[in-house]
């Protein structure tokens, strides 16, 4: 007996659309189970609201699968109903299950071909992208405020929010001290520590009443908010709030900061901190500055002394370059994969087209009824009150059908666009990496991998989905190329190749 469980999920907004409702998903999945001789032993439902976005029943489903190893099948409408992030993907993948994506016409298991897993990995990325986009409305409102010159959140020390006018006012208790901090430091006669001490003596504290730290003082001295500008979401805006210092005074302060820090590296230059662990003892690699100019990484040795030598940041950059190079795809492969991505979506498009055709037929049938009834009313065959009642009933049904039609006509195909962008990134990743500074390089590495280990010579990454499949297939592709494979054979390796474990050597 093939035992299966059913999982359905919907957000409060999506409940308004029949195509996404819980009952619609349940009907679809139970019909599928019946047609394919599957026995649904349990159903798990998650309904997310604006106040509660957690997935309690997803966790319960995982526990059920762990304690009932005879249940090996999950039935779900499509990819974005099951996964909300990469952690969900890994959790499900570790359980060695069959995932039946009913609307997409896909069955995923450990025996699936690598190109199926690859396309599925892209869909998981798109599902995460959808969840991330749920916060866009809030961010949009904040951007609009920023564009109007209003700082969207709590202002820095020296200012305060006015609950009555909803504007930002100068804090009469702290503003004068903050202004003096700029004057003291810009004179060149005081260090950051000295400015902090003088400000503390003058009574400057956090809003909680605690004393300000040295790092806060430095942040204040670098913040353009005090001369009228502010950064929001990586963009500089001109604020409508009252200036606390002149632009001239702020510029003098920046010059003084530059003179103090010239030629010195700080912890902010540790681009790859927190990204690498020691392959021998499992401890994290920490970083430090030597001779005020060179950044070195080495094992923390928290589990006992580790004899592995220090490594320069430049070496780490070079090794990560190879990590990025191994997920870079050629123009030809890019074209093949985008084509495969489009084909994988055809099943879902066909489903939506069939539903649209059915609703259009039903809509026209109702319209014919109304036309005939109107003629019968004119001929005196039916009374007017009966006609009006039936007319309203049919119009209501047409309105309901129109709503369903819009649901299917607006069926989300965005992952095709986003998936293509992801592939285009892989196409340009290495050349992009070479042009970037260490911190930007680290961001790119974090996007394609979750963590790495260092054994003193080799950097061994853990690629995120679906970059792991790209990297594996790239290596197989190179091996076959060296062995003299034809172009057709190389293409087959890309689209049909089997996965394997990956280790990058120096």
Protein backbone atom coordinates (compact mmCIF):
# COMPACT_ATOMS: atom_id res chain seq x y z
CA UNK A 1 0.00 0.00 0.00
CA UNK A 2 1.35 3.43 -0.97
CA UNK A 3 0.86 5.64 2.05
CA UNK A 4 0.93 9.40 1.62
CA UNK A 5 0.18 12.57 3.51
CA UNK A 6 -1.29 15.79 2.20
CA UNK A 7 0.10 19.27 2.89
CA UNK A 8 -1.70 22.52 2.00
CA UNK A 9 -0.77 26.09 2.83
CA UNK A 10 -2.33 29.46 2.16
CA UNK A 11 -1.91 33.04 3.35
CA UNK A 12 -4.87 35.20 4.37
CA UNK A 13 -4.66 37.26 1.14
CA UNK A 14 -4.56 34.16 -1.05
CA UNK A 15 -7.72 32.77 0.58
CA UNK A 16 -9.66 35.33 -1.42
CA UNK A 17 -8.71 33.44 -4.61
CA UNK A 18 -10.42 30.10 -5.19
CA UNK A 19 -7.37 28.76 -7.00
CA UNK A 20 -5.25 29.09 -3.86
CA UNK A 21 -7.79 28.25 -1.11
CA UNK A 22 -7.31 25.33 1.27
CA UNK A 23 -10.45 23.49 0.03
CA UNK A 24 -9.27 23.88 -3.57
CA UNK A 25 -5.87 22.40 -2.71
CA UNK A 26 -7.46 19.56 -0.72
CA UNK A 27 -9.82 18.66 -3.59
CA UNK A 28 -6.98 18.67 -6.10
CA UNK A 29 -4.67 16.52 -3.94
CA UNK A 30 -7.31 14.01 -2.83
CA UNK A 31 -8.49 13.55 -6.44
CA UNK A 32 -4.86 12.97 -7.45
CA UNK A 33 -4.40 10.41 -4.65
CA UNK A 34 -7.56 8.53 -5.71
CA UNK A 35 -6.50 8.41 -9.38
CA UNK A 36 -3.01 7.16 -8.48
CA UNK A 37 -4.04 4.56 -5.86
CA UNK A 38 -2.44 6.46 -2.99
CA UNK A 39 -3.83 6.29 0.55
CA UNK A 40 -3.81 9.64 2.37
CA UNK A 41 -3.23 8.81 6.03
CA UNK A 42 -3.08 12.37 7.34
CA UNK A 43 -3.60 15.97 6.21
CA UNK A 44 -1.58 18.94 7.44
CA UNK A 45 -2.89 22.47 6.89
CA UNK A 46 -1.17 25.80 7.54
CA UNK A 47 -3.06 29.10 7.29
CA UNK A 48 -0.82 32.14 7.62
CA UNK A 49 -2.24 35.49 8.70
CA UNK A 50 -0.77 38.98 8.92
CA UNK A 51 -0.14 38.45 12.65
CA UNK A 52 0.98 34.83 12.51
CA UNK A 53 3.32 33.76 9.70
CA UNK A 54 4.69 30.64 11.39
CA UNK A 55 4.01 27.14 10.08
CA UNK A 56 3.10 25.05 13.12
CA UNK A 57 1.69 22.15 11.11
CA UNK A 58 4.73 21.99 8.82
CA UNK A 59 6.78 21.17 11.92
CA UNK A 60 4.16 18.63 13.03
CA UNK A 61 4.29 17.03 9.58
CA UNK A 62 8.08 16.62 9.85
CA UNK A 63 7.69 14.97 13.28
CA UNK A 64 5.02 12.65 11.88
CA UNK A 65 7.25 11.59 8.98
CA UNK A 66 10.18 10.97 11.33
CA UNK A 67 8.06 8.68 13.57
CA UNK A 68 6.20 6.97 10.69
CA UNK A 69 8.91 5.78 8.28
CA UNK A 70 6.35 3.74 6.26
CA UNK A 71 4.88 7.03 4.96
CA UNK A 72 7.19 8.08 2.13
CA UNK A 73 5.03 10.36 -0.02
CA UNK A 74 4.04 14.03 0.36
CA UNK A 75 1.28 15.40 -1.85
CA UNK A 76 1.39 19.15 -2.37
CA UNK A 77 -0.08 21.52 -4.95
CA UNK A 78 3.22 23.04 -6.13
CA UNK A 79 6.70 24.05 -4.99
CA UNK A 80 5.87 27.35 -3.28
CA UNK A 81 3.15 25.69 -1.16
CA UNK A 82 5.74 23.40 0.49
CA UNK A 83 8.88 25.49 0.90
CA UNK A 84 9.37 28.96 2.34
CA UNK A 85 13.18 28.88 2.66
CA UNK A 86 16.29 26.76 2.09
CA UNK A 87 16.01 25.19 5.56
CA UNK A 88 12.65 23.64 4.60
CA UNK A 89 14.23 22.22 1.45
CA UNK A 90 17.10 20.60 3.36
CA UNK A 91 14.75 19.24 6.05
CA UNK A 92 12.53 17.54 3.47
CA UNK A 93 15.49 16.34 1.40
CA UNK A 94 17.07 14.61 4.42
CA UNK A 95 13.93 12.46 4.93
CA UNK A 96 14.37 10.64 1.57
CA UNK A 97 10.77 11.10 0.39
CA UNK A 98 8.78 11.26 -2.82
CA UNK A 99 7.41 14.77 -3.35
CA UNK A 100 4.42 14.85 -5.70
CA UNK A 101 3.98 18.40 -7.06
CA UNK A 102 0.54 17.86 -8.53
CA UNK A 103 -0.01 21.05 -10.53
CA UNK A 104 3.54 20.97 -11.85
CA UNK A 105 3.27 17.33 -12.92
CA UNK A 106 6.56 16.48 -11.14
CA UNK A 107 7.60 13.70 -8.77
CA UNK A 108 10.89 14.37 -6.95
CA UNK A 109 12.88 11.67 -5.17
CA UNK A 110 16.49 10.65 -4.57
CA UNK A 111 16.36 8.83 -7.93
CA UNK A 112 15.33 11.92 -9.92
CA UNK A 113 17.71 13.03 -12.63
CA UNK A 114 20.03 15.90 -11.84
CA UNK A 115 18.38 18.28 -14.30
CA UNK A 116 15.02 17.72 -12.53
CA UNK A 117 16.68 18.48 -9.19
CA UNK A 118 18.32 21.50 -10.71
CA UNK A 119 15.02 22.95 -11.99
CA UNK A 120 13.40 22.13 -8.65
CA UNK A 121 16.20 23.96 -6.83
CA UNK A 122 15.47 27.05 -8.90
CA UNK A 123 11.78 26.81 -8.01
CA UNK A 124 12.72 26.63 -4.31
CA UNK A 125 14.72 29.82 -4.77
CA UNK A 126 11.69 31.43 -6.39
CA UNK A 127 9.45 30.31 -3.52
CA UNK A 128 11.83 32.01 -1.11
CA UNK A 129 11.80 35.06 -3.34
CA UNK A 130 8.00 35.16 -3.09
CA UNK A 131 8.13 35.08 0.71
CA UNK A 132 10.74 37.81 0.74
CA UNK A 133 8.45 39.92 -1.44
CA UNK A 134 5.68 39.77 1.16
CA UNK A 135 7.55 42.45 3.11
CA UNK A 136 7.77 44.75 0.09
CA UNK A 137 4.61 46.70 0.98
CA UNK A 138 6.12 47.82 4.29
CA UNK A 139 9.42 48.66 2.63
CA UNK A 140 7.58 50.56 -0.10
CA UNK A 141 5.93 52.80 2.50
CA UNK A 142 9.29 53.42 4.16
CA UNK A 143 10.89 54.29 0.82
CA UNK A 144 8.08 56.74 0.08
CA UNK A 145 8.70 58.46 3.44
CA UNK A 146 12.43 58.60 2.70
CA UNK A 147 11.77 60.14 -0.72
CA UNK A 148 9.69 62.82 1.03
CA UNK A 149 12.67 63.61 3.26
CA UNK A 150 11.28 61.88 6.38
CA UNK A 151 13.52 59.38 8.15
CA UNK A 152 11.37 56.17 8.40
CA UNK A 153 12.50 55.02 11.86
CA UNK A 154 13.92 56.32 15.14
CA UNK A 155 16.40 59.16 14.59
CA UNK A 156 19.95 59.15 16.07
CA UNK A 157 20.90 60.71 19.40
CA UNK A 158 20.28 64.46 19.43
CA UNK A 159 16.87 64.04 17.77
CA UNK A 160 13.50 62.66 18.81
CA UNK A 161 10.23 61.63 17.15
CA UNK A 162 7.30 64.00 17.72
CA UNK A 163 4.16 61.84 18.16
CA UNK A 164 1.84 64.78 17.53
CA UNK A 165 3.29 66.15 14.28
CA UNK A 166 4.87 62.79 13.24
CA UNK A 167 8.02 64.72 12.44
CA UNK A 168 11.56 64.61 13.80
CA UNK A 169 12.50 67.34 16.27
CA UNK A 170 15.79 68.29 17.91
CA UNK A 171 16.18 66.77 21.39
CA UNK A 172 16.82 69.81 23.62
CA UNK A 173 18.66 67.71 26.24
CA UNK A 174 21.11 65.95 23.94
CA UNK A 175 21.46 68.11 20.81
CA UNK A 176 23.94 70.61 22.26
CA UNK A 177 26.25 67.82 23.53
CA UNK A 178 26.21 66.05 20.15
CA UNK A 179 27.09 69.29 18.37
CA UNK A 180 30.01 69.85 20.79
CA UNK A 181 31.27 66.33 19.98
CA UNK A 182 31.75 67.36 16.34
CA UNK A 183 33.53 70.55 17.42
CA UNK A 184 35.84 68.71 19.82
CA UNK A 185 36.87 65.99 17.37
CA UNK A 186 37.23 68.24 14.32
CA UNK A 187 39.75 70.37 16.26
CA UNK A 188 42.21 67.45 16.14
CA UNK A 189 42.91 67.78 19.88
CA UNK A 190 40.76 64.86 21.05
CA UNK A 191 40.60 61.12 20.36
CA UNK A 192 37.33 59.18 20.08
CA UNK A 193 37.84 57.99 23.66
CA UNK A 194 38.38 61.56 24.88
CA UNK A 195 35.26 62.79 23.09
CA UNK A 196 33.27 59.94 24.67
CA UNK A 197 34.50 60.87 28.14
CA UNK A 198 33.66 64.56 27.70
CA UNK A 199 30.21 63.73 26.29
CA UNK A 200 29.51 61.36 29.20
CA UNK A 201 30.56 64.02 31.72
CA UNK A 202 28.20 66.44 29.97
CA UNK A 203 25.32 63.99 30.49
CA UNK A 204 24.98 62.23 27.11
CA UNK A 205 23.31 58.80 27.43
CA UNK A 206 21.30 56.40 25.33
CA UNK A 207 17.52 56.75 25.52
CA UNK A 208 17.61 53.90 28.05
CA UNK A 209 19.82 55.99 30.34
CA UNK A 210 22.98 53.92 29.81
CA UNK A 211 26.30 55.53 28.94
CA UNK A 212 27.20 55.72 25.25
CA UNK A 213 29.98 53.51 23.93
CA UNK A 214 33.08 54.46 21.96
CA UNK A 215 31.66 52.82 18.80
CA UNK A 216 28.47 54.88 19.12
CA UNK A 217 30.50 58.08 19.35
CA UNK A 218 32.37 57.16 16.17
CA UNK A 219 29.10 56.32 14.43
CA UNK A 220 27.63 59.69 15.42
CA UNK A 221 30.65 61.53 14.03
CA UNK A 222 30.27 59.73 10.68
CA UNK A 223 26.48 60.04 10.37
CA UNK A 224 25.36 62.49 7.62
CA UNK A 225 21.97 62.79 9.36
CA UNK A 226 23.33 65.65 11.48
CA UNK A 227 23.98 67.91 8.47
CA UNK A 228 20.66 67.03 6.79
CA UNK A 229 21.12 63.83 4.73
CA UNK A 230 20.47 60.21 5.62
CA UNK A 231 20.94 56.74 4.17
CA UNK A 232 17.98 54.42 3.75
CA UNK A 233 18.12 51.03 2.03
CA UNK A 234 21.56 51.86 0.67
CA UNK A 235 20.50 55.16 -0.90
CA UNK A 236 21.25 58.71 0.23
CA UNK A 237 18.25 61.05 0.75
CA UNK A 238 18.01 64.72 1.68
CA UNK A 239 16.07 65.05 4.92
CA UNK A 240 13.47 67.62 5.91
CA UNK A 241 14.59 67.67 9.57
CA UNK A 242 16.45 70.57 11.21
CA UNK A 243 20.26 70.53 10.85
CA UNK A 244 22.29 70.03 14.00
CA UNK A 245 25.71 70.79 12.48
CA UNK A 246 26.79 72.57 9.31
CA UNK A 247 28.10 70.64 6.32
CA UNK A 248 31.42 72.44 6.78
CA UNK A 249 31.77 71.20 10.38
CA UNK A 250 30.81 67.65 9.35
CA UNK A 251 33.39 67.69 6.53
CA UNK A 252 36.13 68.86 8.92
CA UNK A 253 35.20 65.99 11.23
CA UNK A 254 35.49 63.46 8.38
CA UNK A 255 38.94 64.85 7.47
CA UNK A 256 40.05 64.43 11.09
CA UNK A 257 38.76 60.84 11.11
CA UNK A 258 40.60 60.09 7.86
CA UNK A 259 43.88 61.46 9.23
CA UNK A 260 43.56 59.32 12.37
CA UNK A 261 42.81 56.10 10.47
CA UNK A 262 45.07 56.57 7.45
CA UNK A 263 47.15 53.47 6.68
CA UNK A 264 45.47 51.38 9.38
CA UNK A 265 43.19 48.40 8.90
CA UNK A 266 40.28 47.71 11.26
CA UNK A 267 38.06 44.74 11.97
CA UNK A 268 35.77 46.01 9.24
CA UNK A 269 38.38 44.86 6.75
CA UNK A 270 37.84 41.21 7.75
CA UNK A 271 35.69 40.46 4.71
CA UNK A 272 35.43 36.68 5.18
CA UNK A 273 34.91 36.50 8.95
CA UNK A 274 32.34 33.93 10.08
CA UNK A 275 32.38 32.12 6.74
CA UNK A 276 35.06 29.45 7.26
CA UNK A 277 35.69 26.63 9.74
CA UNK A 278 38.78 24.50 10.31
CA UNK A 279 38.56 21.13 8.53
CA UNK A 280 40.51 19.39 11.31
CA UNK A 281 38.90 20.54 14.57
CA UNK A 282 35.68 22.20 13.41
CA UNK A 283 36.47 25.54 15.05
CA UNK A 284 35.84 28.81 13.27
CA UNK A 285 38.63 30.67 11.52
CA UNK A 286 39.26 34.03 13.12
CA UNK A 287 41.10 36.97 11.60
CA UNK A 288 43.58 39.55 12.79
CA UNK A 289 45.79 42.34 11.48
CA UNK A 290 49.56 42.04 11.28
CA UNK A 291 51.84 45.07 10.96
CA UNK A 292 48.78 47.29 10.59
CA UNK A 293 48.44 46.30 6.93
CA UNK A 294 47.93 42.57 6.43
CA UNK A 295 44.84 40.50 7.27
CA UNK A 296 45.47 36.88 8.31
CA UNK A 297 43.02 34.05 9.09
CA UNK A 298 43.72 31.17 11.46
CA UNK A 299 41.90 28.56 13.55
CA UNK A 300 40.69 29.79 16.96
CA UNK A 301 41.90 26.54 18.54
CA UNK A 302 39.03 26.55 21.06
CA UNK A 303 39.04 22.75 21.15
CA UNK A 304 42.76 22.49 21.71
CA UNK A 305 45.81 23.87 19.99
CA UNK A 306 45.60 23.61 16.20
CA UNK A 307 48.89 23.52 14.32
CA UNK A 308 47.52 24.72 11.01
CA UNK A 309 49.37 27.84 9.80
CA UNK A 310 47.99 31.32 9.23
CA UNK A 311 46.69 32.20 5.76
CA UNK A 312 46.60 35.64 4.12
CA UNK A 313 43.26 37.12 3.07
CA UNK A 314 44.56 37.38 -0.51
CA UNK A 315 44.91 33.58 -0.60
CA UNK A 316 41.36 33.16 0.69
CA UNK A 317 40.14 35.52 -2.03
CA UNK A 318 41.92 33.45 -4.67
CA UNK A 319 40.44 30.18 -3.35
CA UNK A 320 36.95 31.67 -3.27
CA UNK A 321 37.53 32.75 -6.85
CA UNK A 322 37.71 29.05 -7.71
CA UNK A 323 34.49 28.46 -5.76
CA UNK A 324 32.76 31.04 -7.94
CA UNK A 325 34.44 29.79 -11.10
CA UNK A 326 32.98 26.33 -10.55
CA UNK A 327 29.40 27.63 -10.75
CA UNK A 328 30.07 29.71 -13.86
CA UNK A 329 28.27 28.47 -16.97
CA UNK A 330 29.00 29.24 -20.62
CA UNK A 331 26.71 31.11 -23.00
CA UNK A 332 25.70 27.85 -24.72
CA UNK A 333 24.82 26.14 -21.45
CA UNK A 334 22.90 29.24 -20.34
CA UNK A 335 20.74 28.98 -23.46
CA UNK A 336 20.13 25.23 -22.94
CA UNK A 337 19.14 25.62 -19.29
CA UNK A 338 16.78 28.55 -19.88
CA UNK A 339 15.08 26.43 -22.53
CA UNK A 340 14.80 23.50 -20.08
CA UNK A 341 13.39 25.82 -17.43
CA UNK A 342 10.68 26.94 -19.83
CA UNK A 343 9.78 23.35 -20.72
CA UNK A 344 9.47 22.40 -17.04
CA UNK A 345 6.79 25.03 -16.60
CA UNK A 346 4.66 23.90 -19.54
CA UNK A 347 2.68 21.38 -17.47
CA UNK A 348 1.45 24.05 -15.08
CA UNK A 349 0.66 26.42 -17.95
CA UNK A 350 -1.38 23.68 -19.64
CA UNK A 351 -3.35 23.14 -16.41
CA UNK A 352 -4.19 26.84 -16.16
CA UNK A 353 -5.18 27.00 -19.84
CA UNK A 354 -7.58 24.06 -19.41
CA UNK A 355 -9.23 25.74 -16.42
CA UNK A 356 -9.53 29.04 -18.32
CA UNK A 357 -11.25 27.26 -21.23
CA UNK A 358 -13.73 25.57 -18.87
CA UNK A 359 -14.63 28.85 -17.16
CA UNK A 360 -15.02 30.66 -20.50
CA UNK A 361 -17.47 27.99 -21.69
CA UNK A 362 -19.45 28.29 -18.43
CA UNK A 363 -19.49 32.10 -18.72
CA UNK A 364 -20.86 31.99 -22.29
CA UNK A 365 -23.49 29.40 -21.28
CA UNK A 366 -24.82 31.76 -18.58
CA UNK A 367 -24.83 34.65 -21.04
CA UNK A 368 -26.92 32.57 -23.49
CA UNK A 369 -29.39 31.81 -20.70
CA UNK A 370 -29.76 35.50 -19.88
CA UNK A 371 -30.32 36.37 -23.54
CA UNK A 372 -33.00 33.69 -23.96
CA UNK A 373 -34.69 34.66 -20.69
CA UNK A 374 -34.84 38.29 -21.79
CA UNK A 375 -36.59 37.26 -25.02
CA UNK A 376 -39.04 35.09 -23.02
CA UNK A 377 -39.80 38.09 -20.78
CA UNK A 378 -40.49 40.32 -23.81
CA UNK A 379 -42.78 37.63 -25.25
CA UNK A 380 -44.64 37.35 -21.93
CA UNK A 381 -43.61 33.75 -21.36
CA UNK A 382 -42.13 34.50 -17.89
CA UNK A 383 -43.06 37.22 -15.35
CA UNK A 384 -40.67 40.14 -14.87
CA UNK A 385 -40.00 39.48 -11.15
CA UNK A 386 -38.94 35.90 -12.00
CA UNK A 387 -36.70 37.21 -14.78
CA UNK A 388 -35.05 39.79 -12.50
CA UNK A 389 -34.36 37.22 -9.76
CA UNK A 390 -32.80 34.74 -12.21
CA UNK A 391 -30.88 37.53 -13.94
CA UNK A 392 -29.26 38.56 -10.64
CA UNK A 393 -28.46 34.91 -9.83
CA UNK A 394 -26.77 34.38 -13.20
CA UNK A 395 -24.88 37.68 -12.97
CA UNK A 396 -23.56 36.66 -9.54
CA UNK A 397 -22.32 33.37 -11.00
CA UNK A 398 -20.69 35.24 -13.90
CA UNK A 399 -18.97 37.52 -11.42
CA UNK A 400 -17.66 34.49 -9.52
CA UNK A 401 -16.43 32.91 -12.77
CA UNK A 402 -14.74 36.17 -13.78
CA UNK A 403 -12.87 36.18 -10.48
CA UNK A 404 -11.71 32.59 -11.05
CA UNK A 405 -10.71 33.44 -14.61
CA UNK A 406 -8.49 36.27 -13.37
CA UNK A 407 -6.89 33.90 -10.88
CA UNK A 408 -5.80 31.50 -13.60
CA UNK A 409 -4.99 34.19 -16.15
CA UNK A 410 -2.73 35.85 -13.60
CA UNK A 411 -1.10 32.51 -12.72
CA UNK A 412 2.37 33.26 -11.46
CA UNK A 413 5.06 32.59 -14.07
CA UNK A 414 7.50 34.97 -12.40
CA UNK A 415 9.89 32.18 -11.47
CA UNK A 416 10.73 31.82 -15.17
CA UNK A 417 12.01 35.40 -15.19
CA UNK A 418 13.74 35.05 -11.82
CA UNK A 419 15.17 31.66 -12.76
CA UNK A 420 16.63 33.14 -15.93
CA UNK A 421 18.21 35.93 -13.87
CA UNK A 422 19.74 33.32 -11.56
CA UNK A 423 21.23 31.48 -14.53
CA UNK A 424 22.51 34.74 -16.00
CA UNK A 425 24.23 35.43 -12.66
CA UNK A 426 25.96 32.04 -12.90
CA UNK A 427 26.98 32.95 -16.45
CA UNK A 428 28.70 36.18 -15.29
CA UNK A 429 29.63 35.24 -11.71
CA UNK A 430 33.37 34.78 -12.09
CA UNK A 431 34.04 37.93 -14.14
CA UNK A 432 31.90 39.86 -11.65
CA UNK A 433 33.88 38.40 -8.72
CA UNK A 434 37.21 39.45 -10.21
CA UNK A 435 36.11 43.10 -10.42
CA UNK A 436 34.84 43.43 -6.85
CA UNK A 437 36.45 44.46 -3.57
CA UNK A 438 36.81 41.84 -0.77
CA UNK A 439 33.53 42.73 0.96
CA UNK A 440 31.53 42.54 -2.28
CA UNK A 441 33.27 39.27 -3.11
CA UNK A 442 32.20 37.90 0.27
CA UNK A 443 28.56 38.85 -0.45
CA UNK A 444 28.65 36.96 -3.74
CA UNK A 445 30.22 33.91 -2.05
CA UNK A 446 27.51 33.97 0.67
CA UNK A 447 24.83 34.03 -2.01
CA UNK A 448 26.07 30.84 -3.66
CA UNK A 449 27.36 28.95 -0.59
CA UNK A 450 26.40 28.60 3.08
CA UNK A 451 29.79 27.86 4.67
CA UNK A 452 33.25 26.54 3.85
CA UNK A 453 36.04 24.55 5.52
CA UNK A 454 39.79 25.14 5.27
CA UNK A 455 42.35 22.33 5.63
CA UNK A 456 45.45 24.45 5.28
CA UNK A 457 45.61 24.11 1.50
CA UNK A 458 42.11 23.53 0.14
CA UNK A 459 38.89 25.52 0.53
CA UNK A 460 35.88 23.17 0.55
CA UNK A 461 32.56 24.99 0.06
CA UNK A 462 28.99 23.90 0.77
CA UNK A 463 27.02 25.22 -2.18
CA UNK A 464 23.43 26.37 -1.86
CA UNK A 465 20.74 24.91 -4.09
CA UNK A 466 20.84 24.88 -7.10
CA UNK A 467 24.47 26.04 -7.34
CA UNK A 468 25.63 22.68 -5.98
CA UNK A 469 24.27 20.96 -9.08
CA UNK A 470 25.88 23.54 -11.36
CA UNK A 471 29.26 23.04 -9.68
CA UNK A 472 29.05 19.25 -9.79
CA UNK A 473 28.00 19.21 -13.42
CA UNK A 474 30.71 21.71 -14.32
CA UNK A 475 33.37 19.34 -12.97
CA UNK A 476 31.89 16.37 -14.84
CA UNK A 477 31.71 18.53 -17.96
CA UNK A 478 35.40 19.42 -17.68
CA UNK A 479 36.36 15.79 -17.11
CA UNK A 480 34.47 14.67 -20.21
CA UNK A 481 35.86 17.56 -22.21
CA UNK A 482 39.40 16.48 -21.32
CA UNK A 483 38.47 12.95 -22.34
CA UNK A 484 37.47 14.19 -25.82
CA UNK A 485 33.67 14.16 -25.54
CA UNK A 486 31.66 15.66 -28.41
CA UNK A 487 29.65 18.87 -28.04
CA UNK A 488 26.42 16.82 -28.06
CA UNK A 489 27.77 14.58 -25.29
CA UNK A 490 28.76 17.64 -23.25
CA UNK A 491 25.26 18.99 -23.55
CA UNK A 492 23.85 15.68 -22.31
CA UNK A 493 26.18 15.82 -19.32
CA UNK A 494 24.78 19.24 -18.47
CA UNK A 495 21.13 18.39 -18.82
CA UNK A 496 21.11 14.76 -17.69
CA UNK A 497 24.27 14.29 -15.62
CA UNK A 498 24.15 12.64 -12.21
CA UNK A 499 25.27 14.52 -9.06
CA UNK A 500 28.30 13.73 -6.90
CA UNK A 501 30.12 15.13 -3.88
CA UNK A 502 32.38 18.13 -4.52
CA UNK A 503 35.75 19.15 -3.12
CA UNK A 504 37.79 22.03 -4.51
CA UNK A 505 41.53 21.76 -4.27
CA UNK A 506 44.02 24.57 -4.53
